[in-house]
Amino acid sequence: MAKLTKVSPISKPPLSPTVSAVISDFVSKLAEENIVDGDTHDRLKKALLDNQSVDAASLSVALFGVDEK
C-alpha cells in the first residue's frame, strides 16, 4: 500500500497593486450602481481580493451567499 503524504496548501502570490486596484474599483462600482447589496459586495470583495477565487463555485457563493451543493 502506498504511503500517503500530507500536502500543504498552495499559497497564492499577492496581487499586484494595479490588479488589486482594478478589482477593488470594479467591486466598488458594482455597489455604487446598486448592482449588488452590501453583503454581496463584502463577499465578492473577499473572494476576489483576499482569497483570489475566480472559480464558478466561489463566485456563486460570493454573489448569492449560499453554497448550492
N, C-alpha and C. Protein backbone atom coordinates (compact mmCIF):
# COMPACT_ATOMS: atom_id res chain seq x y z
N MET A 1 0.85 -1.17 0.00
CA MET A 1 0.00 0.00 0.00
C MET A 1 0.90 1.24 0.00
N ALA A 2 0.54 2.21 -0.80
CA ALA A 2 1.32 3.44 -0.90
C ALA A 2 1.13 4.29 0.34
N LYS A 3 2.21 4.91 0.74
CA LYS A 3 2.16 5.79 1.90
C LYS A 3 1.63 7.16 1.46
N LEU A 4 0.64 7.67 2.19
CA LEU A 4 0.07 8.98 1.88
C LEU A 4 0.91 10.06 2.54
N THR A 5 1.19 11.09 1.81
CA THR A 5 1.93 12.22 2.38
C THR A 5 0.99 13.40 2.52
N LYS A 6 1.21 14.15 3.54
CA LYS A 6 0.38 15.33 3.79
C LYS A 6 0.84 16.45 2.86
N VAL A 7 -0.10 17.03 2.16
CA VAL A 7 0.19 18.11 1.22
C VAL A 7 -0.22 19.42 1.85
N SER A 8 0.69 20.37 1.85
CA SER A 8 0.35 21.69 2.39
C SER A 8 -0.37 22.50 1.33
N PRO A 9 -1.27 23.38 1.75
CA PRO A 9 -2.00 24.19 0.77
C PRO A 9 -1.05 25.09 -0.01
N ILE A 10 -1.41 25.32 -1.24
CA ILE A 10 -0.60 26.17 -2.11
C ILE A 10 -0.94 27.62 -1.81
N SER A 11 0.08 28.40 -1.50
CA SER A 11 -0.17 29.81 -1.25
C SER A 11 -0.09 30.57 -2.56
N LYS A 12 -0.96 31.53 -2.70
CA LYS A 12 -1.00 32.32 -3.91
C LYS A 12 -0.16 33.56 -3.71
N PRO A 13 0.55 33.97 -4.75
CA PRO A 13 1.31 35.22 -4.62
C PRO A 13 0.34 36.38 -4.49
N PRO A 14 0.74 37.42 -3.79
CA PRO A 14 -0.17 38.57 -3.65
C PRO A 14 -0.45 39.22 -5.00
N LEU A 15 -1.61 39.81 -5.10
CA LEU A 15 -1.95 40.53 -6.32
C LEU A 15 -1.07 41.76 -6.45
N SER A 16 -0.78 42.12 -7.68
CA SER A 16 -0.02 43.35 -7.88
C SER A 16 -0.89 44.52 -7.48
N PRO A 17 -0.29 45.65 -7.13
CA PRO A 17 -1.09 46.82 -6.76
C PRO A 17 -2.06 47.25 -7.87
N THR A 18 -1.66 47.12 -9.11
CA THR A 18 -2.52 47.51 -10.23
C THR A 18 -3.74 46.60 -10.31
N VAL A 19 -3.53 45.30 -10.25
CA VAL A 19 -4.63 44.34 -10.33
C VAL A 19 -5.55 44.51 -9.14
N SER A 20 -4.98 44.67 -7.97
CA SER A 20 -5.77 44.87 -6.76
C SER A 20 -6.64 46.12 -6.87
N ALA A 21 -6.07 47.20 -7.38
CA ALA A 21 -6.81 48.45 -7.54
C ALA A 21 -7.95 48.30 -8.55
N VAL A 22 -7.70 47.60 -9.65
CA VAL A 22 -8.74 47.41 -10.67
C VAL A 22 -9.89 46.59 -10.11
N ILE A 23 -9.57 45.49 -9.41
CA ILE A 23 -10.62 44.65 -8.83
C ILE A 23 -11.40 45.44 -7.77
N SER A 24 -10.70 46.17 -6.93
CA SER A 24 -11.36 46.95 -5.89
C SER A 24 -12.28 48.00 -6.51
N ASP A 25 -11.82 48.69 -7.54
CA ASP A 25 -12.66 49.69 -8.22
C ASP A 25 -13.89 49.04 -8.85
N PHE A 26 -13.69 47.88 -9.47
CA PHE A 26 -14.78 47.16 -10.11
C PHE A 26 -15.85 46.79 -9.09
N VAL A 27 -15.43 46.19 -7.99
CA VAL A 27 -16.38 45.76 -6.96
C VAL A 27 -17.07 46.97 -6.34
N SER A 28 -16.33 48.04 -6.12
CA SER A 28 -16.94 49.26 -5.56
C SER A 28 -17.96 49.86 -6.53
N LYS A 29 -17.66 49.83 -7.81
CA LYS A 29 -18.59 50.36 -8.81
C LYS A 29 -19.88 49.55 -8.83
N LEU A 30 -19.78 48.23 -8.63
CA LEU A 30 -20.98 47.40 -8.55
C LEU A 30 -21.88 47.85 -7.40
N ALA A 31 -21.25 48.17 -6.28
CA ALA A 31 -22.02 48.62 -5.11
C ALA A 31 -22.59 50.02 -5.34
N GLU A 32 -21.80 50.92 -5.91
CA GLU A 32 -22.26 52.29 -6.16
C GLU A 32 -23.46 52.33 -7.10
N GLU A 33 -23.45 51.46 -8.09
CA GLU A 33 -24.54 51.43 -9.08
C GLU A 33 -25.72 50.58 -8.61
N ASN A 34 -25.67 50.14 -7.34
CA ASN A 34 -26.72 49.30 -6.75
C ASN A 34 -26.94 48.01 -7.52
N ILE A 35 -25.88 47.47 -8.08
CA ILE A 35 -25.95 46.19 -8.77
C ILE A 35 -25.87 45.06 -7.75
N VAL A 36 -25.11 45.28 -6.69
CA VAL A 36 -25.02 44.31 -5.59
C VAL A 36 -25.28 45.04 -4.28
N ASP A 37 -25.82 44.29 -3.29
CA ASP A 37 -26.06 44.90 -1.98
C ASP A 37 -24.78 44.85 -1.14
N GLY A 38 -24.85 45.39 0.05
CA GLY A 38 -23.67 45.48 0.92
C GLY A 38 -23.05 44.15 1.28
N ASP A 39 -23.90 43.16 1.61
CA ASP A 39 -23.36 41.84 1.96
C ASP A 39 -22.70 41.18 0.77
N THR A 40 -23.34 41.27 -0.40
CA THR A 40 -22.77 40.70 -1.61
C THR A 40 -21.46 41.40 -1.95
N HIS A 41 -21.43 42.71 -1.79
CA HIS A 41 -20.21 43.47 -2.04
C HIS A 41 -19.07 42.96 -1.17
N ASP A 42 -19.35 42.76 0.11
CA ASP A 42 -18.31 42.28 1.03
C ASP A 42 -17.83 40.88 0.65
N ARG A 43 -18.78 39.98 0.33
CA ARG A 43 -18.40 38.61 -0.04
C ARG A 43 -17.61 38.59 -1.34
N LEU A 44 -18.02 39.39 -2.31
CA LEU A 44 -17.34 39.43 -3.60
C LEU A 44 -15.94 40.01 -3.45
N LYS A 45 -15.83 41.07 -2.66
CA LYS A 45 -14.52 41.68 -2.43
C LYS A 45 -13.57 40.69 -1.75
N LYS A 46 -14.10 39.95 -0.76
CA LYS A 46 -13.29 38.96 -0.06
C LYS A 46 -12.86 37.85 -1.01
N ALA A 47 -13.79 37.36 -1.83
CA ALA A 47 -13.47 36.27 -2.76
C ALA A 47 -12.41 36.70 -3.77
N LEU A 48 -12.59 37.88 -4.34
CA LEU A 48 -11.69 38.31 -5.41
C LEU A 48 -10.36 38.85 -4.88
N LEU A 49 -10.39 39.65 -3.83
CA LEU A 49 -9.16 40.28 -3.36
C LEU A 49 -8.42 39.44 -2.33
N ASP A 50 -9.12 38.95 -1.32
CA ASP A 50 -8.45 38.21 -0.25
C ASP A 50 -8.13 36.77 -0.66
N ASN A 51 -9.14 36.07 -1.17
CA ASN A 51 -8.96 34.66 -1.50
C ASN A 51 -8.49 34.43 -2.93
N GLN A 52 -8.60 35.42 -3.77
CA GLN A 52 -8.25 35.33 -5.18
C GLN A 52 -8.95 34.16 -5.84
N SER A 53 -10.22 33.97 -5.49
CA SER A 53 -11.01 32.88 -6.02
C SER A 53 -11.84 33.34 -7.21
N VAL A 54 -11.61 32.72 -8.34
CA VAL A 54 -12.36 33.08 -9.54
C VAL A 54 -13.07 31.89 -10.15
N ASP A 55 -13.12 30.78 -9.41
CA ASP A 55 -13.84 29.62 -9.93
C ASP A 55 -15.33 29.84 -9.77
N ALA A 56 -16.11 29.10 -10.53
CA ALA A 56 -17.57 29.29 -10.55
C ALA A 56 -18.19 29.09 -9.17
N ALA A 57 -17.76 28.08 -8.44
CA ALA A 57 -18.36 27.80 -7.13
C ALA A 57 -18.11 28.95 -6.15
N SER A 58 -16.90 29.47 -6.10
CA SER A 58 -16.57 30.57 -5.19
C SER A 58 -17.33 31.84 -5.55
N LEU A 59 -17.43 32.13 -6.83
CA LEU A 59 -18.14 33.33 -7.25
C LEU A 59 -19.64 33.19 -7.02
N SER A 60 -20.18 31.98 -7.18
CA SER A 60 -21.60 31.76 -6.89
C SER A 60 -21.90 32.02 -5.43
N VAL A 61 -21.04 31.51 -4.55
CA VAL A 61 -21.22 31.73 -3.12
C VAL A 61 -21.11 33.23 -2.81
N ALA A 62 -20.14 33.90 -3.44
CA ALA A 62 -19.97 35.33 -3.19
C ALA A 62 -21.19 36.13 -3.67
N LEU A 63 -21.73 35.78 -4.81
CA LEU A 63 -22.85 36.54 -5.36
C LEU A 63 -24.19 36.21 -4.70
N PHE A 64 -24.40 34.93 -4.41
CA PHE A 64 -25.71 34.51 -3.92
C PHE A 64 -25.74 34.20 -2.43
N GLY A 65 -24.57 34.09 -1.80
CA GLY A 65 -24.49 33.94 -0.37
C GLY A 65 -24.66 32.55 0.18
N VAL A 66 -24.96 31.58 -0.65
CA VAL A 66 -25.11 30.21 -0.16
C VAL A 66 -24.37 29.25 -1.07
N ASP A 67 -23.87 28.21 -0.48
CA ASP A 67 -23.20 27.16 -1.25
C ASP A 67 -24.29 26.22 -1.74
N GLU A 68 -24.48 26.15 -3.04
CA GLU A 68 -25.60 25.38 -3.59
C GLU A 68 -25.22 23.94 -3.92
N LYS A 69 -24.44 23.31 -3.05
CA LYS A 69 -24.03 21.91 -3.27
C LYS A 69 -25.07 20.98 -2.76
